[in-house]
N, C-alpha and C. Protein backbone atom coordinates (compact mmCIF):
# COMPACT_ATOMS: atom_id res chain seq x y z
N UNK A 1 117.12 111.30 97.18
CA UNK A 1 116.61 111.02 98.04
C UNK A 1 117.27 111.56 99.94
N UNK A 2 116.42 110.84 100.26
CA UNK A 2 117.01 111.63 101.59
C UNK A 2 116.78 110.34 102.57
N UNK A 3 117.32 109.92 103.85
CA UNK A 3 117.00 108.72 105.07
C UNK A 3 115.69 109.50 105.42
N UNK A 4 114.54 108.99 105.54
CA UNK A 4 113.59 109.61 106.39
C UNK A 4 112.54 110.45 105.75
N UNK A 5 112.98 110.45 104.10
CA UNK A 5 112.02 111.04 103.55
C UNK A 5 110.28 110.39 103.02
N UNK A 6 109.26 110.89 102.98
CA UNK A 6 108.17 110.14 103.01
C UNK A 6 108.02 110.59 101.18
N UNK A 7 107.23 108.81 100.62
CA UNK A 7 107.40 108.60 99.36
C UNK A 7 105.98 108.01 99.36
N UNK A 8 105.54 108.12 97.84
CA UNK A 8 104.21 107.10 97.66
C UNK A 8 105.27 106.41 96.24
N UNK A 9 104.21 104.89 96.04
CA UNK A 9 105.00 103.89 95.30
C UNK A 9 104.05 104.65 93.67
N UNK A 10 105.06 104.73 92.67
CA UNK A 10 104.22 104.75 91.85
C UNK A 10 103.84 103.59 90.79
N UNK A 11 104.00 102.35 91.11
CA UNK A 11 103.51 101.21 90.35
C UNK A 11 103.84 99.81 91.47
N UNK A 12 103.38 98.81 91.38
CA UNK A 12 103.30 97.57 91.90
C UNK A 12 101.71 97.35 92.25
N UNK A 13 102.00 96.30 93.37
CA UNK A 13 100.59 96.40 94.01
C UNK A 13 100.53 97.07 95.34
N UNK A 14 101.29 97.82 95.61
CA UNK A 14 101.43 99.15 96.51
C UNK A 14 101.15 100.51 96.02
N UNK A 15 101.22 100.40 94.72
CA UNK A 15 101.01 101.47 94.29
C UNK A 15 100.11 102.69 94.71
N UNK A 16 100.45 103.88 94.95
CA UNK A 16 99.90 105.04 96.12
C UNK A 16 100.12 105.01 97.34
N UNK A 17 100.56 103.91 97.89
CA UNK A 17 100.46 103.76 99.40
C UNK A 17 101.89 104.68 99.47
N UNK A 18 101.67 105.19 101.07
CA UNK A 18 103.15 105.99 101.52
C UNK A 18 104.14 105.04 102.24
N UNK A 19 105.53 105.39 102.18
CA UNK A 19 106.52 105.14 102.90
C UNK A 19 107.45 105.58 103.20
N UNK A 20 108.15 105.22 103.96
CA UNK A 20 109.61 106.08 104.41
C UNK A 20 111.01 105.51 104.14
N UNK A 21 111.53 106.21 103.24
CA UNK A 21 112.54 105.87 102.94
C UNK A 21 114.00 105.11 104.04
N UNK A 22 114.08 103.97 104.26
CA UNK A 22 114.91 103.30 105.58
C UNK A 22 116.56 103.98 105.17
N UNK A 23 116.49 103.21 103.80
CA UNK A 23 117.81 103.24 103.43
C UNK A 23 118.50 103.16 102.10
N UNK A 24 119.47 103.38 101.09
CA UNK A 24 119.44 103.48 100.10
C UNK A 24 120.83 103.03 99.76
N UNK A 25 120.84 102.52 98.69
CA UNK A 25 122.36 102.19 98.13
C UNK A 25 122.87 102.58 96.97
N UNK A 26 123.84 102.30 96.33
CA UNK A 26 124.70 103.22 95.39
C UNK A 26 124.14 102.48 93.98
N UNK A 27 123.08 101.53 93.80
CA UNK A 27 122.76 101.15 92.59
C UNK A 27 121.36 101.35 92.24
N UNK A 28 121.20 102.70 93.19
CA UNK A 28 119.77 103.29 92.66
C UNK A 28 118.79 102.69 93.14
N UNK A 29 118.60 102.19 94.43
CA UNK A 29 117.46 101.44 94.90
C UNK A 29 117.54 102.18 96.66
N UNK A 30 116.31 102.13 96.62
CA UNK A 30 115.89 102.58 98.09
C UNK A 30 115.00 101.45 98.66
N UNK A 31 115.44 101.34 100.48
CA UNK A 31 114.58 100.52 101.08
C UNK A 31 113.70 100.82 101.76
N UNK A 32 112.14 100.70 101.64
CA UNK A 32 111.05 101.60 102.13
C UNK A 32 110.68 100.49 103.08
N UNK A 33 109.84 101.23 104.49
CA UNK A 33 108.84 100.86 105.32
C UNK A 33 107.82 102.09 105.69
N UNK A 34 107.09 100.92 105.84
CA UNK A 34 105.39 101.73 106.11
C UNK A 34 105.19 101.27 107.71
N UNK A 35 105.82 100.37 108.30
CA UNK A 35 105.64 99.73 110.10
C UNK A 35 104.60 98.89 109.53
N UNK A 36 103.69 98.50 108.85
CA UNK A 36 102.84 97.70 108.82
C UNK A 36 102.84 96.46 107.89
N UNK A 37 102.71 96.61 106.72
CA UNK A 37 103.18 95.16 105.46
C UNK A 37 104.58 94.99 105.60
N UNK A 38 104.91 96.43 105.48
CA UNK A 38 106.65 96.47 105.39
C UNK A 38 107.60 96.69 106.72
N UNK A 39 107.75 96.26 107.61
CA UNK A 39 108.19 96.80 108.56
C UNK A 39 109.80 97.12 108.55
N UNK A 40 109.77 97.26 109.51
CA UNK A 40 111.73 97.44 109.74
C UNK A 40 112.96 96.65 109.48
N UNK A 41 112.31 95.78 109.70
CA UNK A 41 113.01 93.78 109.57
C UNK A 41 112.64 93.66 108.37
N UNK A 42 111.96 94.23 107.70
CA UNK A 42 111.83 93.54 106.36
C UNK A 42 111.25 94.52 105.27
N UNK A 43 112.25 95.80 105.10
CA UNK A 43 111.97 96.86 104.24
C UNK A 43 112.01 96.31 102.56
N UNK A 44 110.88 96.90 102.06
CA UNK A 44 110.80 97.02 100.48
C UNK A 44 111.95 97.63 99.66
N UNK A 45 112.50 96.82 98.90
CA UNK A 45 113.39 97.33 97.90
C UNK A 45 112.58 97.58 96.50
N UNK A 46 113.14 99.11 96.19
CA UNK A 46 112.56 99.71 95.15
C UNK A 46 113.27 100.31 94.41
N UNK A 47 113.05 100.54 93.01
CA UNK A 47 114.08 101.80 92.32
C UNK A 47 113.47 102.60 92.70
N UNK A 48 114.89 103.74 92.47
CA UNK A 48 114.16 105.21 92.91
C UNK A 48 112.87 105.82 92.07
N UNK A 49 113.25 105.25 90.58
CA UNK A 49 112.25 105.94 89.53
C UNK A 49 111.07 105.05 90.03
N UNK A 50 110.73 104.39 90.82
CA UNK A 50 109.46 103.66 91.13
C UNK A 50 108.45 104.49 92.36
N UNK A 51 109.18 105.40 92.62
CA UNK A 51 108.72 106.32 93.78
C UNK A 51 109.01 107.60 93.77
N UNK A 52 107.57 107.86 94.37
CA UNK A 52 107.34 109.79 93.88
C UNK A 52 107.82 110.38 95.58
N UNK A 53 108.95 111.32 95.64
CA UNK A 53 109.16 111.74 96.60
C UNK A 53 107.93 113.09 97.07
N UNK A 54 108.22 113.15 98.50
CA UNK A 54 107.44 114.17 99.04
C UNK A 54 108.71 115.24 99.46
N UNK A 55 107.67 116.68 99.97
CA UNK A 55 109.12 117.37 100.62
C UNK A 55 109.09 117.05 101.89
N UNK A 56 108.70 116.14 102.49
CA UNK A 56 108.97 115.78 103.82
C UNK A 56 109.49 115.00 104.01
N UNK A 57 110.83 115.35 105.39
CA UNK A 57 111.72 114.44 105.79
C UNK A 57 111.28 114.59 107.08
N UNK A 58 111.19 112.99 107.84
CA UNK A 58 111.06 112.68 108.93
C UNK A 58 112.56 112.20 109.45
N UNK A 59 112.35 112.87 110.93
CA UNK A 59 113.65 112.71 111.83
C UNK A 59 113.87 111.39 112.82
N UNK A 60 114.25 110.48 111.91
CA UNK A 60 114.24 109.19 112.50
C UNK A 60 114.94 109.12 113.93
N UNK A 61 115.64 109.71 114.09
CA UNK A 61 116.51 109.63 115.38
C UNK A 61 115.84 110.39 116.38
N UNK A 62 114.62 110.89 115.91
CA UNK A 62 114.10 111.76 117.54
C UNK A 62 113.29 110.94 118.53
N UNK A 63 113.55 109.81 118.13
CA UNK A 63 112.21 108.82 119.03
C UNK A 63 112.52 108.71 120.45
N UNK A 64 114.45 108.86 120.62
CA UNK A 64 114.46 108.71 121.95
C UNK A 64 115.42 107.65 122.27
N UNK A 65 115.55 107.28 123.33
CA UNK A 65 116.40 106.32 124.01
C UNK A 65 115.88 104.49 123.30
N UNK A 66 114.44 104.73 123.42
CA UNK A 66 113.89 103.05 122.67
C UNK A 66 114.50 102.68 121.52
N UNK A 67 114.71 103.88 120.94
CA UNK A 67 114.72 103.43 119.20
C UNK A 67 113.54 103.79 118.71
N UNK A 68 113.83 103.49 117.24
CA UNK A 68 112.68 103.27 116.08
C UNK A 68 111.54 102.18 116.11
N UNK A 69 110.40 102.16 116.33
CA UNK A 69 110.02 101.14 115.70
C UNK A 69 108.91 101.54 114.70
N UNK A 70 108.57 100.06 114.61
CA UNK A 70 106.80 100.12 113.33
C UNK A 70 106.01 100.68 114.20
N UNK A 71 105.80 100.99 114.70
CA UNK A 71 104.62 101.86 115.18
C UNK A 71 105.09 103.43 115.02
N UNK A 72 106.31 103.94 115.41
CA UNK A 72 106.26 105.12 114.84
C UNK A 72 106.39 105.61 113.14
N UNK A 73 106.92 104.53 112.91
CA UNK A 73 106.55 104.94 111.20
C UNK A 73 105.18 104.72 111.15
N UNK A 74 104.19 103.96 111.62
CA UNK A 74 102.83 104.34 110.88
C UNK A 74 102.45 105.37 111.96
N UNK A 75 102.73 105.70 112.60
CA UNK A 75 101.91 107.60 113.62
C UNK A 75 102.30 108.13 112.40
N UNK A 76 103.55 108.55 111.93
CA UNK A 76 104.23 109.57 110.62
C UNK A 76 103.38 109.38 109.90
N UNK A 77 103.10 107.92 109.21
CA UNK A 77 102.20 108.07 107.69
C UNK A 77 100.48 108.33 107.80
N UNK A 78 100.24 108.36 108.77
CA UNK A 78 98.69 108.49 109.00
C UNK A 78 98.02 109.95 108.14
N UNK A 79 99.07 111.11 108.14
CA UNK A 79 98.61 112.08 107.33
C UNK A 79 98.49 111.70 105.92
N UNK A 80 99.41 110.37 105.38
CA UNK A 80 99.57 110.37 104.18
C UNK A 80 98.71 109.42 103.71
N UNK A 81 98.28 108.40 104.42
CA UNK A 81 96.86 107.62 104.34
C UNK A 81 95.79 107.38 103.60
N UNK A 82 95.47 108.69 103.34
CA UNK A 82 94.16 109.04 102.52
C UNK A 82 93.08 108.00 102.96
N UNK A 83 92.80 108.00 103.88
CA UNK A 83 91.74 106.71 104.40
C UNK A 83 91.98 105.63 104.27
N UNK A 84 93.01 105.38 104.16
CA UNK A 84 93.54 103.65 104.10
C UNK A 84 93.83 103.57 105.38
N UNK A 85 93.74 102.50 105.94
CA UNK A 85 94.33 102.23 107.59
C UNK A 85 95.67 101.83 107.56
N UNK A 86 96.38 101.96 108.45
CA UNK A 86 97.86 101.51 108.41
C UNK A 86 98.18 101.36 109.90
N UNK A 87 97.26 100.92 110.73
CA UNK A 87 97.26 100.45 112.30
C UNK A 87 97.31 98.56 112.04
C-alpha cells in the first residue's frame, strides 16, 4: 500500500467506508483517515489484511502552503462515499 491510497474497510463497524492511507509501519499496520470520524490528528490503526485497496492514489502534498487538512480528505473521498455523508 502507498501513502495517499484510497482504501475501503473490510471489517469492523466502519466496514465499507472509504479511507485514505495516512501512514504505515513495518508491522503490517496502516493508519487511515477520513477527515470526519477519523481526523488527521487521530488516524485509525488497521491491519493491511482488513482493508481493500483501490487503484487511486491521492497526492497529499498537492494542497499547497496551508498544509493538509481534514476538509481536503473529506472532499477527495466524496466520489467513494456511495451516498453516505462525509461532511
